[in-house]
Amino acid sequence: MWRIIIADDQKSFRIGLRKALEVGSAGIIIVDVSGASELINHLRSPLKTDLVIVGSRLLPAGDPTYLGALKRAAGAARLLLVVPHASADLFQDALSLGFHGLIIRRQRHEEMIEAIRTTLDGRLYAPNAILAVKPPEAASAMRQPERGARTIGLTLRQREVLALIGKGLSNREIAFALSIAEATVKIHVSAVIRMLGVRNRTEAALLAPTILKGKI
């Protein structure tokens, strides 16, 4: 008997995925929640949870303390992140934050069920949209960091986000500048904060010039 929590602020997404699971799978208990605090409360119940599907919009931007609380409450439960769009960089960000895979919000329900089964089997899940993409050689060359620079493991997208954090841009402004969803920016910001070992985006902004010049 699997217990799965679907946590997302979009009711239609929760209902649609729940119906797909109920039709396509037997022996499961499904709980759906709409808020971040509600999710933590359900995870702290005595009932064992096997999988948590979390909408990226429930993750407070630049607040690693909530993510830490979520992972502590989840314990051994597997974690899938729901995102509006996906990329290889975002997949790596999600893994670095402790998730076991990504679901793209507009994926077909059949693919989402495959993602759920894969994750419950103890494997990582990446959408086919990510696996099928091969960046052109020219783009690959452009992604190389400056000679001699130390990036402490940041991806190119994380470095771009960090640079804009350093300029004082909000998540919405960063999303506009990089032509990505604001929910995606939240994930990148949380990953950057975690990888830099700072407490918030203000501290990340203070470190940005030094990090991006490869001096630490």
C-alpha atoms as a PDB file:
ATOM      1  CA  MET A   1       0.000   0.000   0.000  1.00  0.00           C
ATOM      2  CA  TRP A   2       1.589   3.240  -1.153  1.00  0.00           C
ATOM      3  CA  ARG A   3       0.777   6.616   0.438  1.00  0.00           C
ATOM      4  CA  ILE A   4       1.309   9.536  -1.931  1.00  0.00           C
ATOM      5  CA  ILE A   5       0.916  13.233  -1.164  1.00  0.00           C
ATOM      6  CA  ILE A   6       0.210  15.610  -4.043  1.00  0.00           C
ATOM      7  CA  ALA A   7       1.045  19.164  -2.906  1.00  0.00           C
ATOM      8  CA  ASP A   8       0.333  21.945  -5.376  1.00  0.00           C
ATOM      9  CA  ASP A   9      -1.438  25.291  -5.359  1.00  0.00           C
ATOM     10  CA  GLN A  10      -3.355  24.429  -8.551  1.00  0.00           C
ATOM     11  CA  LYS A  11      -6.497  22.473  -7.729  1.00  0.00           C
ATOM     12  CA  SER A  12      -7.050  21.257 -11.280  1.00  0.00           C
ATOM     13  CA  PHE A  13      -3.560  19.730 -11.359  1.00  0.00           C
ATOM     14  CA  ARG A  14      -4.121  17.899  -8.071  1.00  0.00           C
ATOM     15  CA  ILE A  15      -7.527  16.569  -9.107  1.00  0.00           C
ATOM     16  CA  GLY A  16      -6.349  15.488 -12.558  1.00  0.00           C
ATOM     17  CA  LEU A  17      -3.309  13.635 -11.273  1.00  0.00           C
ATOM     18  CA  ARG A  18      -5.300  12.049  -8.476  1.00  0.00           C
ATOM     19  CA  LYS A  19      -7.910  10.690 -10.899  1.00  0.00           C
ATOM     20  CA  ALA A  20      -5.180   9.343 -13.185  1.00  0.00           C
ATOM     21  CA  LEU A  21      -3.539   7.553 -10.270  1.00  0.00           C
ATOM     22  CA  GLU A  22      -6.798   6.107  -9.016  1.00  0.00           C
ATOM     23  CA  VAL A  23      -7.589   4.688 -12.453  1.00  0.00           C
ATOM     24  CA  GLY A  24      -4.114   3.457 -13.321  1.00  0.00           C
ATOM     25  CA  SER A  25      -2.911   2.136  -9.973  1.00  0.00           C
ATOM     26  CA  ALA A  26      -4.305  -0.078  -7.230  1.00  0.00           C
ATOM     27  CA  GLY A  27      -3.436  -0.189  -3.552  1.00  0.00           C
ATOM     28  CA  ILE A  28      -2.588   3.472  -3.044  1.00  0.00           C
ATOM     29  CA  ILE A  29      -3.676   6.175  -0.627  1.00  0.00           C
ATOM     30  CA  ILE A  30      -3.635   9.670  -2.116  1.00  0.00           C
ATOM     31  CA  VAL A  31      -3.649  12.876  -0.089  1.00  0.00           C
ATOM     32  CA  ASP A  32      -3.779  16.250  -1.832  1.00  0.00           C
ATOM     33  CA  VAL A  33      -2.843  19.531  -0.184  1.00  0.00           C
ATOM     34  CA  SER A  34      -2.658  23.093  -1.456  1.00  0.00           C
ATOM     35  CA  GLY A  35      -0.267  24.839   0.927  1.00  0.00           C
ATOM     36  CA  ALA A  36       3.300  24.591   2.204  1.00  0.00           C
ATOM     37  CA  SER A  37       2.389  24.475   5.914  1.00  0.00           C
ATOM     38  CA  GLU A  38      -0.368  21.948   5.274  1.00  0.00           C
ATOM     39  CA  LEU A  39       2.159  19.716   3.516  1.00  0.00           C
ATOM     40  CA  ILE A  40       4.527  19.736   6.496  1.00  0.00           C
ATOM     41  CA  ASN A  41       1.646  18.906   8.848  1.00  0.00           C
ATOM     42  CA  HIS A  42       0.601  15.896   6.766  1.00  0.00           C
ATOM     43  CA  LEU A  43       4.180  14.644   6.635  1.00  0.00           C
ATOM     44  CA  ARG A  44       4.424  14.833  10.417  1.00  0.00           C
ATOM     45  CA  SER A  45       1.421  12.561  10.871  1.00  0.00           C
ATOM     46  CA  PRO A  46       2.059   9.008  12.187  1.00  0.00           C
ATOM     47  CA  LEU A  47       1.162   7.562   8.776  1.00  0.00           C
ATOM     48  CA  LYS A  48       4.149   6.633   6.628  1.00  0.00           C
ATOM     49  CA  THR A  49       4.443   8.549   3.352  1.00  0.00           C
ATOM     50  CA  ASP A  50       6.174   6.927   0.388  1.00  0.00           C
ATOM     51  CA  LEU A  51       6.158   9.738  -2.173  1.00  0.00           C
ATOM     52  CA  VAL A  52       5.652  13.500  -2.086  1.00  0.00           C
ATOM     53  CA  ILE A  53       4.875  15.363  -5.310  1.00  0.00           C
ATOM     54  CA  VAL A  54       5.602  19.054  -4.702  1.00  0.00           C
ATOM     55  CA  GLY A  55       4.702  21.989  -6.935  1.00  0.00           C
ATOM     56  CA  SER A  56       7.634  24.381  -7.289  1.00  0.00           C
ATOM     57  CA  ARG A  57       5.382  27.325  -6.434  1.00  0.00           C
ATOM     58  CA  LEU A  58       5.025  25.982  -2.882  1.00  0.00           C
ATOM     59  CA  LEU A  59       8.754  26.398  -2.251  1.00  0.00           C
ATOM     60  CA  PRO A  60       9.403  29.820  -0.669  1.00  0.00           C
ATOM     61  CA  ALA A  61      11.919  31.630  -2.857  1.00  0.00           C
ATOM     62  CA  GLY A  62      15.336  31.955  -1.287  1.00  0.00           C
ATOM     63  CA  ASP A  63      14.286  30.236   1.940  1.00  0.00           C
ATOM     64  CA  PRO A  64      16.334  27.052   2.425  1.00  0.00           C
ATOM     65  CA  THR A  65      14.910  26.649   5.936  1.00  0.00           C
ATOM     66  CA  TYR A  66      11.548  25.491   4.555  1.00  0.00           C
ATOM     67  CA  LEU A  67      13.187  23.002   2.229  1.00  0.00           C
ATOM     68  CA  GLY A  68      15.174  21.632   5.163  1.00  0.00           C
ATOM     69  CA  ALA A  69      11.990  21.281   7.211  1.00  0.00           C
ATOM     70  CA  LEU A  70      10.269  19.568   4.272  1.00  0.00           C
ATOM     71  CA  LYS A  71      13.049  17.009   3.874  1.00  0.00           C
ATOM     72  CA  ARG A  72      13.202  16.320   7.614  1.00  0.00           C
ATOM     73  CA  ALA A  73       9.443  15.810   7.766  1.00  0.00           C
ATOM     74  CA  ALA A  74       9.503  13.643   4.628  1.00  0.00           C
ATOM     75  CA  GLY A  75      12.123  11.326   6.111  1.00  0.00           C
ATOM     76  CA  ALA A  76      12.618   8.362   3.772  1.00  0.00           C
ATOM     77  CA  ALA A  77       9.828   9.446   1.417  1.00  0.00           C
ATOM     78  CA  ARG A  78      10.790  10.050  -2.184  1.00  0.00           C
ATOM     79  CA  LEU A  79      10.354  13.572  -3.580  1.00  0.00           C
ATOM     80  CA  LEU A  80       9.215  14.648  -7.045  1.00  0.00           C
ATOM     81  CA  LEU A  81       9.196  18.303  -8.072  1.00  0.00           C
ATOM     82  CA  VAL A  82       6.534  19.739 -10.404  1.00  0.00           C
ATOM     83  CA  VAL A  83       7.903  22.481 -12.668  1.00  0.00           C
ATOM     84  CA  PRO A  84       6.414  24.568 -15.510  1.00  0.00           C
ATOM     85  CA  HIS A  85       9.342  23.814 -17.825  1.00  0.00           C
ATOM     86  CA  ALA A  86      12.408  21.612 -17.469  1.00  0.00           C
ATOM     87  CA  SER A  87      16.040  21.629 -18.532  1.00  0.00           C
ATOM     88  CA  ALA A  88      19.158  19.650 -17.722  1.00  0.00           C
ATOM     89  CA  ASP A  89      20.346  22.464 -15.444  1.00  0.00           C
ATOM     90  CA  LEU A  90      17.050  22.540 -13.585  1.00  0.00           C
ATOM     91  CA  PHE A  91      17.150  18.765 -13.197  1.00  0.00           C
ATOM     92  CA  GLN A  92      20.600  19.023 -11.609  1.00  0.00           C
ATOM     93  CA  ASP A  93      19.330  21.814  -9.345  1.00  0.00           C
ATOM     94  CA  ALA A  94      16.438  19.635  -8.209  1.00  0.00           C
ATOM     95  CA  LEU A  95      18.782  16.734  -7.418  1.00  0.00           C
ATOM     96  CA  SER A  96      21.108  19.034  -5.492  1.00  0.00           C
ATOM     97  CA  LEU A  97      18.119  20.143  -3.407  1.00  0.00           C
ATOM     98  CA  GLY A  98      17.266  16.551  -2.498  1.00  0.00           C
ATOM     99  CA  PHE A  99      14.537  15.750  -5.034  1.00  0.00           C
ATOM    100  CA  HIS A 100      14.506  12.476  -6.948  1.00  0.00           C
ATOM    101  CA  GLY A 101      13.161  13.803 -10.220  1.00  0.00           C
ATOM    102  CA  LEU A 102      11.045  16.330 -12.099  1.00  0.00           C
ATOM    103  CA  ILE A 103       7.536  16.320 -13.526  1.00  0.00           C
ATOM    104  CA  ILE A 104       6.659  18.950 -16.097  1.00  0.00           C
ATOM    105  CA  ARG A 105       3.253  20.376 -15.266  1.00  0.00           C
ATOM    106  CA  ARG A 106       1.855  19.797 -18.742  1.00  0.00           C
ATOM    107  CA  GLN A 107       3.168  16.259 -19.184  1.00  0.00           C
ATOM    108  CA  ARG A 108       0.625  13.614 -20.127  1.00  0.00           C
ATOM    109  CA  HIS A 109      -0.785  11.761 -17.125  1.00  0.00           C
ATOM    110  CA  GLU A 110       0.619   8.506 -18.481  1.00  0.00           C
ATOM    111  CA  GLU A 111       4.117   9.987 -18.283  1.00  0.00           C
ATOM    112  CA  MET A 112       3.475  11.308 -14.789  1.00  0.00           C
ATOM    113  CA  ILE A 113       2.398   7.856 -13.621  1.00  0.00           C
ATOM    114  CA  GLU A 114       5.585   6.455 -15.158  1.00  0.00           C
ATOM    115  CA  ALA A 115       7.560   9.085 -13.216  1.00  0.00           C
ATOM    116  CA  ILE A 116       5.797   8.106 -10.000  1.00  0.00           C
ATOM    117  CA  ARG A 117       6.415   4.397 -10.499  1.00  0.00           C
ATOM    118  CA  THR A 118      10.059   5.012 -11.406  1.00  0.00           C
ATOM    119  CA  THR A 119      10.590   7.115  -8.303  1.00  0.00           C
ATOM    120  CA  LEU A 120       8.826   4.643  -6.013  1.00  0.00           C
ATOM    121  CA  ASP A 121      11.121   1.948  -7.423  1.00  0.00           C
ATOM    122  CA  GLY A 122      14.051   3.898  -5.999  1.00  0.00           C
ATOM    123  CA  ARG A 123      15.292   5.368  -9.268  1.00  0.00           C
ATOM    124  CA  LEU A 124      15.697   8.963 -10.450  1.00  0.00           C
ATOM    125  CA  TYR A 125      13.279  10.297 -13.050  1.00  0.00           C
ATOM    126  CA  ALA A 126      13.987  12.839 -15.792  1.00  0.00           C
ATOM    127  CA  PRO A 127      11.337  13.776 -18.382  1.00  0.00           C
ATOM    128  CA  ASN A 128      11.982  12.621 -21.944  1.00  0.00           C
ATOM    129  CA  ALA A 129      12.021  16.280 -22.959  1.00  0.00           C
ATOM    130  CA  ILE A 130      15.295  16.643 -21.050  1.00  0.00           C
ATOM    131  CA  LEU A 131      16.859  13.364 -22.126  1.00  0.00           C
ATOM    132  CA  ALA A 132      16.167  14.043 -25.798  1.00  0.00           C
ATOM    133  CA  VAL A 133      17.898  17.431 -25.876  1.00  0.00           C
ATOM    134  CA  LYS A 134      21.471  17.609 -27.135  1.00  0.00           C
ATOM    135  CA  PRO A 135      22.925  21.131 -27.075  1.00  0.00           C
ATOM    136  CA  PRO A 136      24.709  22.188 -30.267  1.00  0.00           C
ATOM    137  CA  GLU A 137      28.507  22.237 -30.182  1.00  0.00           C
ATOM    138  CA  ALA A 138      28.561  26.009 -30.444  1.00  0.00           C
ATOM    139  CA  ALA A 139      26.254  26.373 -27.467  1.00  0.00           C
ATOM    140  CA  SER A 140      28.334  23.841 -25.561  1.00  0.00           C
ATOM    141  CA  ALA A 141      31.454  25.891 -26.169  1.00  0.00           C
ATOM    142  CA  MET A 142      29.713  29.036 -24.936  1.00  0.00           C
ATOM    143  CA  ARG A 143      28.827  27.275 -21.698  1.00  0.00           C
ATOM    144  CA  GLN A 144      32.450  26.806 -20.683  1.00  0.00           C
ATOM    145  CA  PRO A 145      33.413  28.979 -17.685  1.00  0.00           C
ATOM    146  CA  GLU A 146      36.119  31.579 -17.984  1.00  0.00           C
ATOM    147  CA  ARG A 147      39.644  30.203 -17.930  1.00  0.00           C
ATOM    148  CA  GLY A 148      40.876  29.822 -14.370  1.00  0.00           C
ATOM    149  CA  ALA A 149      37.495  30.611 -12.805  1.00  0.00           C
ATOM    150  CA  ARG A 150      36.272  28.458  -9.921  1.00  0.00           C
ATOM    151  CA  THR A 151      32.515  27.992 -10.047  1.00  0.00           C
ATOM    152  CA  ILE A 152      32.173  25.755  -6.928  1.00  0.00           C
ATOM    153  CA  GLY A 153      29.906  23.462  -8.898  1.00  0.00           C
ATOM    154  CA  LEU A 154      27.428  26.070 -10.136  1.00  0.00           C
ATOM    155  CA  THR A 155      25.860  25.418 -13.515  1.00  0.00           C
ATOM    156  CA  LEU A 156      25.810  28.123 -16.164  1.00  0.00           C
ATOM    157  CA  ARG A 157      22.163  28.931 -15.362  1.00  0.00           C
ATOM    158  CA  GLN A 158      22.947  29.127 -11.646  1.00  0.00           C
ATOM    159  CA  ARG A 159      25.787  31.548 -12.414  1.00  0.00           C
ATOM    160  CA  GLU A 160      23.419  33.677 -14.500  1.00  0.00           C
ATOM    161  CA  VAL A 161      20.878  33.729 -11.677  1.00  0.00           C
ATOM    162  CA  LEU A 162      23.578  34.555  -9.122  1.00  0.00           C
ATOM    163  CA  ALA A 163      24.804  37.453 -11.265  1.00  0.00           C
ATOM    164  CA  LEU A 164      21.288  38.905 -11.391  1.00  0.00           C
ATOM    165  CA  ILE A 165      20.791  38.360  -7.660  1.00  0.00           C
ATOM    166  CA  GLY A 166      23.999  40.351  -7.217  1.00  0.00           C
ATOM    167  CA  LYS A 167      22.418  43.196  -9.185  1.00  0.00           C
ATOM    168  CA  GLY A 168      19.448  43.224  -6.816  1.00  0.00           C
ATOM    169  CA  LEU A 169      16.864  41.840  -9.235  1.00  0.00           C
ATOM    170  CA  SER A 170      13.723  40.182  -7.889  1.00  0.00           C
ATOM    171  CA  ASN A 171      12.657  36.699  -8.944  1.00  0.00           C
ATOM    172  CA  ARG A 172      10.154  38.178 -11.374  1.00  0.00           C
ATOM    173  CA  GLU A 173      12.803  40.421 -12.915  1.00  0.00           C
ATOM    174  CA  ILE A 174      15.240  37.505 -13.187  1.00  0.00           C
ATOM    175  CA  ALA A 175      12.554  35.408 -14.878  1.00  0.00           C
ATOM    176  CA  PHE A 176      11.955  38.184 -17.415  1.00  0.00           C
ATOM    177  CA  ALA A 177      15.676  38.711 -18.035  1.00  0.00           C
ATOM    178  CA  LEU A 178      16.347  35.004 -18.644  1.00  0.00           C
ATOM    179  CA  SER A 179      13.018  34.241 -20.344  1.00  0.00           C
ATOM    180  CA  ILE A 180      12.144  31.487 -17.866  1.00  0.00           C
ATOM    181  CA  ALA A 181       9.245  30.935 -15.470  1.00  0.00           C
ATOM    182  CA  GLU A 182       9.329  32.620 -12.074  1.00  0.00           C
ATOM    183  CA  ALA A 183       8.768  29.230 -10.429  1.00  0.00           C
ATOM    184  CA  THR A 184      11.926  28.019 -12.183  1.00  0.00           C
ATOM    185  CA  VAL A 185      13.831  30.999 -10.834  1.00  0.00           C
ATOM    186  CA  LYS A 186      12.773  30.035  -7.303  1.00  0.00           C
ATOM    187  CA  ILE A 187      14.347  26.626  -7.738  1.00  0.00           C
ATOM    188  CA  HIS A 188      17.580  28.086  -9.102  1.00  0.00           C
ATOM    189  CA  VAL A 189      17.761  30.627  -6.269  1.00  0.00           C
ATOM    190  CA  SER A 190      17.284  27.933  -3.621  1.00  0.00           C
ATOM    191  CA  ALA A 191      19.963  25.787  -5.275  1.00  0.00           C
ATOM    192  CA  VAL A 192      22.421  28.699  -5.410  1.00  0.00           C
ATOM    193  CA  ILE A 193      21.840  29.562  -1.749  1.00  0.00           C
ATOM    194  CA  ARG A 194      22.366  25.953  -0.746  1.00  0.00           C
ATOM    195  CA  MET A 195      25.521  25.484  -2.817  1.00  0.00           C
ATOM    196  CA  LEU A 196      27.082  28.726  -1.570  1.00  0.00           C
ATOM    197  CA  GLY A 197      26.308  27.794   2.026  1.00  0.00           C
ATOM    198  CA  VAL A 198      24.665  31.147   2.762  1.00  0.00           C
ATOM    199  CA  ARG A 199      21.447  31.837   4.648  1.00  0.00           C
ATOM    200  CA  ASN A 200      19.574  34.034   2.185  1.00  0.00           C
ATOM    201  CA  ARG A 201      19.748  35.849  -1.147  1.00  0.00           C
ATOM    202  CA  THR A 202      21.218  38.973   0.473  1.00  0.00           C
ATOM    203  CA  GLU A 203      24.295  37.028   1.532  1.00  0.00           C
ATOM    204  CA  ALA A 204      24.406  35.413  -1.913  1.00  0.00           C
ATOM    205  CA  ALA A 205      24.332  38.879  -3.513  1.00  0.00           C
ATOM    206  CA  LEU A 206      27.271  39.994  -1.372  1.00  0.00           C
ATOM    207  CA  LEU A 207      29.288  36.960  -2.465  1.00  0.00           C
ATOM    208  CA  ALA A 208      28.278  37.149  -6.126  1.00  0.00           C
ATOM    209  CA  PRO A 209      31.129  39.347  -7.438  1.00  0.00           C
ATOM    210  CA  THR A 210      33.777  37.240  -5.743  1.00  0.00           C
ATOM    211  CA  ILE A 211      32.235  33.911  -6.777  1.00  0.00           C
ATOM    212  CA  LEU A 212      31.717  34.922 -10.395  1.00  0.00           C
ATOM    213  CA  LYS A 213      35.284  36.164 -10.718  1.00  0.00           C
ATOM    214  CA  GLY A 214      36.523  32.810  -9.469  1.00  0.00           C
ATOM    215  CA  LYS A 215      38.358  34.205  -6.451  1.00  0.00           C
ATOM    216  CA  ILE A 216      37.073  31.647  -3.944  1.00  0.00           C
END
